[in-house]
N, C-alpha and C. Protein backbone atom coordinates (compact mmCIF):
# COMPACT_ATOMS: atom_id res chain seq x y z
N MET A 1 11.85 7.48 26.36
CA MET A 1 11.14 6.79 25.24
C MET A 1 10.88 8.74 24.61
N PRO A 2 10.72 8.64 23.44
CA PRO A 2 10.36 9.88 22.45
C PRO A 2 9.05 10.33 23.02
N THR A 3 8.92 11.60 22.95
CA THR A 3 7.45 12.03 22.75
C THR A 3 7.14 12.73 21.83
N PHE A 4 5.97 13.20 21.80
CA PHE A 4 5.26 13.41 20.45
C PHE A 4 6.31 14.75 20.14
N ARG A 5 6.12 15.34 20.93
CA ARG A 5 7.23 16.42 20.17
C ARG A 5 8.49 16.03 19.74
N ASP A 6 9.38 15.25 20.47
CA ASP A 6 10.39 14.94 19.75
C ASP A 6 9.88 14.09 18.28
N ALA A 7 9.03 13.28 18.23
CA ALA A 7 8.43 12.54 17.22
C ALA A 7 8.33 13.77 16.09
N ILE A 8 7.90 14.90 16.12
CA ILE A 8 7.44 15.91 15.51
C ILE A 8 9.04 16.65 14.81
N SER A 9 9.46 16.83 15.85
CA SER A 9 10.90 17.16 15.64
C SER A 9 11.50 16.52 14.51
N GLU A 10 11.73 15.32 14.68
CA GLU A 10 12.12 14.13 13.55
C GLU A 10 11.69 14.04 12.07
N ILE A 11 9.99 14.51 12.36
CA ILE A 11 9.19 14.80 10.93
C ILE A 11 10.04 15.74 10.40
N ASN A 12 10.00 16.66 10.97
CA ASN A 12 10.48 18.03 10.31
C ASN A 12 12.22 17.76 9.78
N ALA A 13 12.97 17.29 10.48
CA ALA A 13 14.35 16.70 9.86
C ALA A 13 14.23 16.60 9.06
N LEU A 14 13.40 15.04 8.92
CA LEU A 14 13.37 14.56 7.80
C LEU A 14 12.55 14.69 6.55
N GLY A 15 11.60 15.87 6.72
CA GLY A 15 10.76 16.75 5.95
C GLY A 15 9.89 15.57 5.39
N LEU A 16 9.23 14.82 6.33
CA LEU A 16 8.03 13.76 5.93
C LEU A 16 6.60 14.47 6.56
N GLY A 17 5.71 13.55 5.63
CA GLY A 17 3.98 13.84 6.30
C GLY A 17 4.13 12.92 7.34
N ALA A 18 2.76 12.73 7.80
CA ALA A 18 2.39 12.31 8.81
C ALA A 18 1.60 11.86 9.27
N ASN A 19 0.57 10.43 9.16
CA ASN A 19 0.10 10.17 9.90
C ASN A 19 -0.27 10.22 11.49
N VAL A 20 -1.19 10.77 12.23
CA VAL A 20 -1.08 10.73 13.90
C VAL A 20 -2.05 10.33 14.25
N GLU A 21 -2.00 8.95 14.79
CA GLU A 21 -2.87 8.21 15.21
C GLU A 21 -3.10 8.25 16.55
N ILE A 22 -4.23 8.80 17.29
CA ILE A 22 -4.95 8.96 18.47
C ILE A 22 -5.09 7.55 18.85
N LYS A 23 -4.11 6.90 19.90
CA LYS A 23 -4.24 5.53 20.35
C LYS A 23 -5.55 5.50 21.55
N PRO A 24 -6.35 4.80 21.29
CA PRO A 24 -7.39 4.53 22.26
C PRO A 24 -6.71 3.94 23.36
N THR A 25 -7.56 4.48 24.37
CA THR A 25 -7.42 4.09 25.76
C THR A 25 -8.43 4.44 26.77
N PRO A 26 -9.00 3.50 27.04
CA PRO A 26 -10.99 3.47 27.62
C PRO A 26 -10.63 4.39 28.47
N GLY A 27 -11.79 5.76 28.39
CA GLY A 27 -12.05 6.55 29.75
C GLY A 27 -11.20 7.88 29.15
N LEU A 28 -10.14 7.36 28.29
CA LEU A 28 -9.13 8.43 27.94
C LEU A 28 -9.07 9.25 26.84
N GLY A 29 -10.15 8.79 25.52
CA GLY A 29 -10.23 9.56 24.59
C GLY A 29 -9.93 10.78 24.16
N VAL A 30 -10.97 11.52 25.25
CA VAL A 30 -11.40 12.83 24.81
C VAL A 30 -9.76 13.96 25.00
N GLU A 31 -9.41 13.13 26.52
CA GLU A 31 -8.18 14.24 26.79
C GLU A 31 -7.16 13.46 26.08
N LYS A 32 -7.04 12.76 25.59
CA LYS A 32 -5.66 12.61 24.88
C LYS A 32 -5.97 13.32 23.38
N ALA A 33 -7.25 13.07 22.76
CA ALA A 33 -7.05 14.13 22.01
C ALA A 33 -7.29 15.33 21.71
N LYS A 34 -7.58 15.99 22.76
CA LYS A 34 -7.43 17.96 23.01
C LYS A 34 -5.74 17.50 23.34
N ALA A 35 -5.07 16.76 24.05
CA ALA A 35 -3.59 17.08 24.28
C ALA A 35 -2.73 17.10 23.17
N THR A 36 -3.37 16.03 22.06
CA THR A 36 -2.68 15.86 21.07
C THR A 36 -2.95 16.97 19.99
N CYS A 37 -4.23 17.63 19.60
CA CYS A 37 -4.55 18.47 19.26
C CYS A 37 -3.84 19.87 19.49
N ALA A 38 -3.75 20.12 20.57
CA ALA A 38 -2.77 21.16 21.25
C ALA A 38 -1.49 21.23 20.96
N LEU A 39 -0.86 20.18 21.18
CA LEU A 39 0.54 19.93 20.43
C LEU A 39 0.21 19.96 18.97
N ILE A 40 -0.28 19.59 18.49
CA ILE A 40 -0.43 19.85 16.78
C ILE A 40 -0.49 21.18 16.52
N SER A 41 -1.50 22.13 17.46
CA SER A 41 -1.64 23.32 17.38
C SER A 41 -0.29 24.06 17.50
N SER A 42 0.28 23.82 18.74
CA SER A 42 1.19 24.51 18.99
C SER A 42 2.59 24.22 18.14
N ASP A 43 3.10 23.21 18.01
CA ASP A 43 4.32 22.82 17.66
C ASP A 43 4.55 22.19 16.09
N TRP A 44 3.10 22.13 15.25
CA TRP A 44 3.35 21.85 13.99
C TRP A 44 3.95 22.75 13.09
N PRO A 45 5.36 22.07 12.32
CA PRO A 45 5.96 23.05 11.98
C PRO A 45 5.71 23.84 10.46
N ASP A 46 5.84 24.64 10.21
CA ASP A 46 5.05 25.75 9.05
C ASP A 46 5.67 24.96 7.79
N SER A 47 6.58 24.51 7.90
CA SER A 47 7.11 23.67 6.64
C SER A 47 6.43 22.70 6.36
N LEU A 48 6.36 22.35 6.96
CA LEU A 48 5.60 20.80 6.71
C LEU A 48 3.63 20.27 6.14
N PRO A 49 3.77 19.39 5.83
CA PRO A 49 1.89 19.67 5.26
C PRO A 49 1.50 19.09 6.51
N LEU A 50 0.27 19.73 6.62
CA LEU A 50 -0.42 19.38 8.15
C LEU A 50 -0.80 17.87 8.06
N PRO A 51 -0.80 17.17 9.28
CA PRO A 51 -0.50 16.01 9.32
C PRO A 51 -2.14 15.32 8.81
N VAL A 52 -2.14 13.93 8.78
CA VAL A 52 -3.46 13.38 8.78
C VAL A 52 -3.49 12.77 10.13
N ILE A 53 -5.03 12.78 11.09
CA ILE A 53 -5.36 12.71 12.30
C ILE A 53 -6.37 11.17 12.15
N SER A 54 -5.71 10.30 12.38
CA SER A 54 -7.01 9.00 13.18
C SER A 54 -7.04 8.17 13.88
N SER A 55 -8.02 7.69 14.30
CA SER A 55 -7.91 6.97 15.58
C SER A 55 -9.02 5.91 15.61
N PHE A 56 -8.87 4.72 16.00
CA PHE A 56 -10.17 4.02 16.53
C PHE A 56 -10.98 4.23 17.39
N ASP A 57 -10.68 5.68 18.02
CA ASP A 57 -11.67 6.01 19.20
C ASP A 57 -12.44 7.23 18.37
N MET A 58 -13.69 7.07 18.03
CA MET A 58 -14.66 7.93 17.58
C MET A 58 -14.87 9.13 18.55
N SER A 59 -14.82 8.65 19.28
CA SER A 59 -14.78 10.44 20.56
C SER A 59 -14.00 10.98 20.74
N ALA A 60 -12.38 10.56 20.05
CA ALA A 60 -11.13 11.49 20.15
C ALA A 60 -11.34 12.11 18.37
N MET A 61 -11.97 11.29 17.71
CA MET A 61 -12.08 11.90 16.13
C MET A 61 -12.86 13.37 16.26
N ALA A 62 -14.17 13.02 16.79
CA ALA A 62 -15.25 13.91 16.94
C ALA A 62 -14.40 15.35 17.73
N VAL A 63 -13.48 15.07 18.69
CA VAL A 63 -12.73 15.89 19.38
C VAL A 63 -11.77 16.42 18.41
N ALA A 64 -10.94 16.14 17.21
CA ALA A 64 -9.95 16.20 16.38
C ALA A 64 -10.75 17.36 15.26
N LYS A 65 -12.16 17.20 15.13
CA LYS A 65 -13.01 17.43 14.37
C LYS A 65 -13.22 19.10 14.55
N ASP A 66 -13.72 19.41 16.15
CA ASP A 66 -13.95 20.63 16.76
C ASP A 66 -12.83 21.21 16.94
N LEU A 67 -11.63 20.93 17.00
CA LEU A 67 -10.54 21.68 17.58
C LEU A 67 -9.66 22.12 16.57
N LEU A 68 -9.41 21.05 15.67
CA LEU A 68 -8.75 21.31 14.07
C LEU A 68 -9.60 20.83 13.20
N PRO A 69 -10.59 21.52 12.90
CA PRO A 69 -11.03 21.42 11.57
C PRO A 69 -10.49 21.53 10.17
N ASN A 70 -9.55 22.21 10.11
CA ASN A 70 -8.96 22.27 9.22
C ASN A 70 -7.80 21.44 8.39
N ILE A 71 -7.81 20.29 9.47
CA ILE A 71 -6.97 18.89 9.31
C ILE A 71 -7.63 17.72 9.36
N GLU A 72 -7.12 17.20 8.01
CA GLU A 72 -7.70 15.55 7.57
C GLU A 72 -7.75 14.82 8.50
N ARG A 73 -9.07 14.16 8.19
CA ARG A 73 -9.28 13.29 9.60
C ARG A 73 -9.45 11.70 8.67
N ALA A 74 -9.08 10.57 9.02
CA ALA A 74 -9.66 9.51 8.45
C ALA A 74 -9.90 8.81 9.30
N THR A 75 -10.90 8.04 9.26
CA THR A 75 -11.20 6.80 10.07
C THR A 75 -10.59 5.90 10.62
N LEU A 76 -10.49 4.75 11.11
CA LEU A 76 -9.70 3.92 11.46
C LEU A 76 -10.48 3.03 11.90
N PHE A 77 -10.64 1.51 10.72
CA PHE A 77 -11.39 0.62 11.49
C PHE A 77 -10.12 -0.36 11.06
N GLY A 78 -10.50 -1.63 11.91
CA GLY A 78 -9.86 -3.44 11.74
C GLY A 78 -10.76 -3.89 10.78
N LYS A 79 -11.93 -4.34 11.18
CA LYS A 79 -13.05 -4.44 10.23
C LYS A 79 -14.10 -3.52 10.02
N LEU A 80 -14.31 -3.42 8.18
CA LEU A 80 -15.23 -2.08 7.98
C LEU A 80 -16.67 -2.37 8.69
N PRO A 81 -16.66 -1.69 9.39
CA PRO A 81 -18.50 -1.74 9.97
C PRO A 81 -19.65 -1.21 8.66
N GLU A 82 -20.88 -1.83 9.16
CA GLU A 82 -21.53 -1.94 8.22
C GLU A 82 -21.95 -0.32 7.69
N ASP A 83 -21.88 0.65 8.94
CA ASP A 83 -22.41 1.83 9.20
C ASP A 83 -21.04 2.75 8.84
N TRP A 84 -19.96 2.06 8.35
CA TRP A 84 -18.86 3.18 7.78
C TRP A 84 -19.02 4.44 7.34
N LEU A 85 -20.24 4.54 6.40
CA LEU A 85 -20.25 5.76 5.45
C LEU A 85 -20.53 6.92 6.44
N SER A 86 -21.67 6.26 7.75
CA SER A 86 -22.37 7.24 8.45
C SER A 86 -21.36 7.81 9.50
N ILE A 87 -20.56 6.51 9.83
CA ILE A 87 -19.34 7.34 10.47
C ILE A 87 -18.41 8.48 10.05
N VAL A 88 -17.95 8.04 8.70
CA VAL A 88 -17.01 8.70 7.78
C VAL A 88 -17.72 10.46 8.05
N GLU A 89 -19.05 10.34 7.39
CA GLU A 89 -19.51 11.48 7.27
C GLU A 89 -19.56 12.18 8.57
N GLN A 90 -20.27 11.62 9.63
CA GLN A 90 -20.56 12.46 10.71
C GLN A 90 -19.14 13.26 11.20
N LEU A 91 -18.11 12.19 11.37
CA LEU A 91 -16.56 12.76 11.74
C LEU A 91 -15.87 13.38 10.35
N ASP A 92 -16.66 14.05 9.08
CA ASP A 92 -16.32 14.92 8.31
C ASP A 92 -14.61 13.99 7.75
N CYS A 93 -14.45 12.86 7.94
CA CYS A 93 -13.23 12.57 7.10
C CYS A 93 -12.78 12.67 5.95
N LYS A 94 -11.94 12.45 5.80
CA LYS A 94 -11.69 12.25 3.93
C LYS A 94 -11.18 11.27 3.19
N ALA A 95 -10.83 10.12 4.41
CA ALA A 95 -10.00 9.10 3.93
C ALA A 95 -10.42 7.87 5.15
N VAL A 96 -10.27 6.35 4.65
CA VAL A 96 -10.71 5.25 5.66
C VAL A 96 -9.54 4.48 5.15
N HIS A 97 -9.01 4.44 6.71
CA HIS A 97 -7.80 3.44 6.70
C HIS A 97 -8.27 1.81 7.43
N ILE A 98 -7.85 0.68 6.78
CA ILE A 98 -8.69 -0.06 7.06
C ILE A 98 -7.47 -1.52 7.39
N SER A 99 -7.35 -2.35 8.20
CA SER A 99 -6.31 -3.73 8.58
C SER A 99 -6.24 -4.30 7.41
N THR A 100 -5.43 -4.81 6.63
CA THR A 100 -4.70 -5.84 5.39
C THR A 100 -5.27 -6.99 5.70
N ARG A 101 -5.41 -7.22 7.20
CA ARG A 101 -5.94 -8.25 7.53
C ARG A 101 -7.62 -8.33 6.94
N HIS A 102 -8.15 -7.49 7.30
CA HIS A 102 -9.90 -7.72 6.79
C HIS A 102 -9.99 -6.92 5.32
N VAL A 103 -9.25 -6.08 5.18
CA VAL A 103 -9.61 -5.66 3.55
C VAL A 103 -10.37 -6.16 2.48
N THR A 104 -11.70 -6.30 1.97
CA THR A 104 -11.95 -6.94 0.84
C THR A 104 -12.11 -6.27 -0.43
N GLN A 105 -12.36 -6.49 -1.72
CA GLN A 105 -12.41 -6.09 -3.05
C GLN A 105 -13.20 -5.53 -3.01
N ALA A 106 -14.80 -5.62 -2.24
CA ALA A 106 -16.30 -5.16 -1.77
C ALA A 106 -16.05 -3.88 -1.28
N HIS A 107 -15.13 -3.93 -0.13
CA HIS A 107 -14.56 -2.69 0.96
C HIS A 107 -14.08 -1.86 -0.07
N VAL A 108 -13.05 -1.97 -0.38
CA VAL A 108 -12.52 -1.20 -1.25
C VAL A 108 -13.51 -0.64 -2.48
N ASP A 109 -14.02 -1.32 -2.95
CA ASP A 109 -14.89 -0.72 -4.12
C ASP A 109 -16.24 0.13 -3.32
N ALA A 110 -17.08 -0.34 -2.43
CA ALA A 110 -17.97 0.27 -1.71
C ALA A 110 -17.13 1.98 -1.61
N ILE A 111 -16.10 2.26 -0.59
CA ILE A 111 -14.87 3.45 -0.22
C ILE A 111 -14.95 4.35 -1.36
N ASN A 112 -14.48 3.11 -2.46
CA ASN A 112 -13.72 4.18 -3.86
C ASN A 112 -15.34 4.83 -4.43
N ARG A 113 -16.77 4.13 -4.15
CA ARG A 113 -17.37 4.44 -4.87
C ARG A 113 -18.11 5.98 -4.62
N HIS A 114 -17.57 5.93 -3.42
CA HIS A 114 -18.32 7.20 -2.11
C HIS A 114 -16.97 8.37 -2.47
N ASN A 115 -15.98 8.09 -3.04
CA ASN A 115 -14.53 9.02 -3.29
C ASN A 115 -13.82 9.24 -2.08
N PHE A 116 -13.83 8.42 -1.37
CA PHE A 116 -12.74 8.53 -0.22
C PHE A 116 -11.54 7.67 -0.80
N PRO A 117 -10.53 7.90 -0.22
CA PRO A 117 -9.08 7.13 -0.42
C PRO A 117 -9.27 6.07 0.81
N VAL A 118 -8.65 5.43 -0.04
CA VAL A 118 -8.65 3.44 0.71
C VAL A 118 -7.11 3.72 1.22
N ARG A 119 -6.70 3.71 2.48
CA ARG A 119 -5.50 3.53 2.80
C ARG A 119 -5.57 2.53 3.48
N VAL A 120 -4.51 1.14 3.47
CA VAL A 120 -4.32 -0.03 3.88
C VAL A 120 -3.39 -0.14 4.85
N TYR A 121 -3.31 -0.70 6.17
CA TYR A 121 -1.98 -1.07 7.10
C TYR A 121 -2.19 -2.27 7.49
N THR A 122 -1.59 -2.40 8.15
CA THR A 122 -0.18 -2.57 8.17
C THR A 122 0.47 -3.82 6.88
N VAL A 123 0.73 -3.04 5.70
CA VAL A 123 1.48 -4.10 4.83
C VAL A 123 2.91 -4.44 4.81
N ASN A 124 3.41 -5.30 4.48
CA ASN A 124 4.65 -5.63 4.79
C ASN A 124 5.26 -6.64 4.04
N ASP A 125 4.22 -6.98 2.82
CA ASP A 125 4.94 -7.77 1.93
C ASP A 125 4.44 -7.50 0.63
N ALA A 126 5.66 -7.53 -0.32
CA ALA A 126 5.50 -6.73 -1.60
C ALA A 126 4.46 -7.08 -2.78
N ALA A 127 3.73 -8.47 -2.36
CA ALA A 127 3.19 -9.38 -2.79
C ALA A 127 1.67 -8.90 -2.57
N ARG A 128 1.55 -8.61 -1.55
CA ARG A 128 0.74 -8.25 -1.07
C ARG A 128 -0.16 -6.65 -1.35
N GLY A 129 1.03 -5.76 -1.36
CA GLY A 129 1.37 -4.41 -1.56
C GLY A 129 0.47 -4.04 -3.07
N GLN A 130 1.16 -5.24 -3.77
CA GLN A 130 0.69 -5.22 -5.30
C GLN A 130 -0.89 -5.48 -5.89
N GLU A 131 -1.09 -6.30 -4.69
CA GLU A 131 -2.47 -6.98 -4.79
C GLU A 131 -3.65 -5.74 -4.21
N LEU A 132 -3.30 -5.13 -3.44
CA LEU A 132 -3.98 -4.35 -3.06
C LEU A 132 -4.20 -3.00 -3.55
N ARG A 133 -3.19 -2.40 -4.22
CA ARG A 133 -2.84 -1.41 -5.79
C ARG A 133 -4.00 -1.86 -6.86
N GLU A 134 -3.84 -3.63 -6.90
CA GLU A 134 -4.82 -3.68 -8.14
C GLU A 134 -6.36 -3.41 -8.13
N MET A 135 -6.78 -3.88 -5.95
CA MET A 135 -7.77 -3.82 -6.09
C MET A 135 -8.31 -2.19 -5.87
N GLY A 136 -7.61 -1.35 -5.95
CA GLY A 136 -7.72 0.32 -6.04
C GLY A 136 -7.46 0.61 -4.51
N VAL A 137 -6.81 0.29 -3.92
CA VAL A 137 -6.24 0.93 -2.70
C VAL A 137 -5.33 1.98 -2.97
N SER A 138 -5.38 3.25 -2.00
CA SER A 138 -4.77 4.57 -2.65
C SER A 138 -3.83 4.58 -2.16
N SER A 139 -3.15 3.73 -0.68
CA SER A 139 -2.04 3.84 -0.38
C SER A 139 -1.86 2.70 1.01
N ILE A 140 -0.53 2.55 1.26
CA ILE A 140 -0.56 1.34 2.48
C ILE A 140 0.45 2.14 3.58
N PHE A 141 0.41 1.68 4.73
CA PHE A 141 1.21 1.93 5.93
C PHE A 141 1.75 0.74 5.94
N THR A 142 3.58 0.57 5.89
CA THR A 142 4.12 -0.06 6.09
C THR A 142 5.33 0.29 6.79
N ASP A 143 5.60 -0.99 7.65
CA ASP A 143 6.88 -0.87 8.62
C ASP A 143 8.11 -1.30 7.44
N ARG A 144 7.65 -1.65 6.55
CA ARG A 144 9.09 -2.12 5.53
C ARG A 144 8.95 -1.34 4.24
N PRO A 145 9.28 -0.41 4.19
CA PRO A 145 9.41 0.69 3.04
C PRO A 145 10.48 0.26 2.08
N ASP A 146 11.50 -0.48 2.33
CA ASP A 146 12.66 -1.01 1.57
C ASP A 146 11.93 -2.11 0.73
N PHE A 147 10.92 -3.14 1.13
CA PHE A 147 10.24 -3.78 0.61
C PHE A 147 9.39 -3.62 -0.87
N PHE A 148 9.18 -2.21 -0.81
CA PHE A 148 8.26 -1.42 -2.01
C PHE A 148 9.21 -0.61 -2.75
């Protein structure tokens, strides 16, 4: 199984940007965030733009804010909670990532009103991608870039 270091090497070889998602693991969010931040600090190539860090685990996001304050963070939500803005502001995030299954025009409008990019995951249908674009979504995550 490839390691995060392996992934960084491949991202560098391909000249890509990256969203580094710290996967939630109950009770291990802080440790995982510290390890992820340490690897980004030590191994991220100067030739690449810094990654975006995201997570559903807000404790992990708080660690990323403290350890790597110069790296963009994005809150990651399935459904947009009512207190989304306070979470985004508390973590000093620069974007909101939300599921394609739950995003609505009202969500996109509210997030855009506060000048945060709206990035939607995981969109594997070209028609849905076009619909999201028309809604005002900034970008999408996909497993099928060949569809777009």
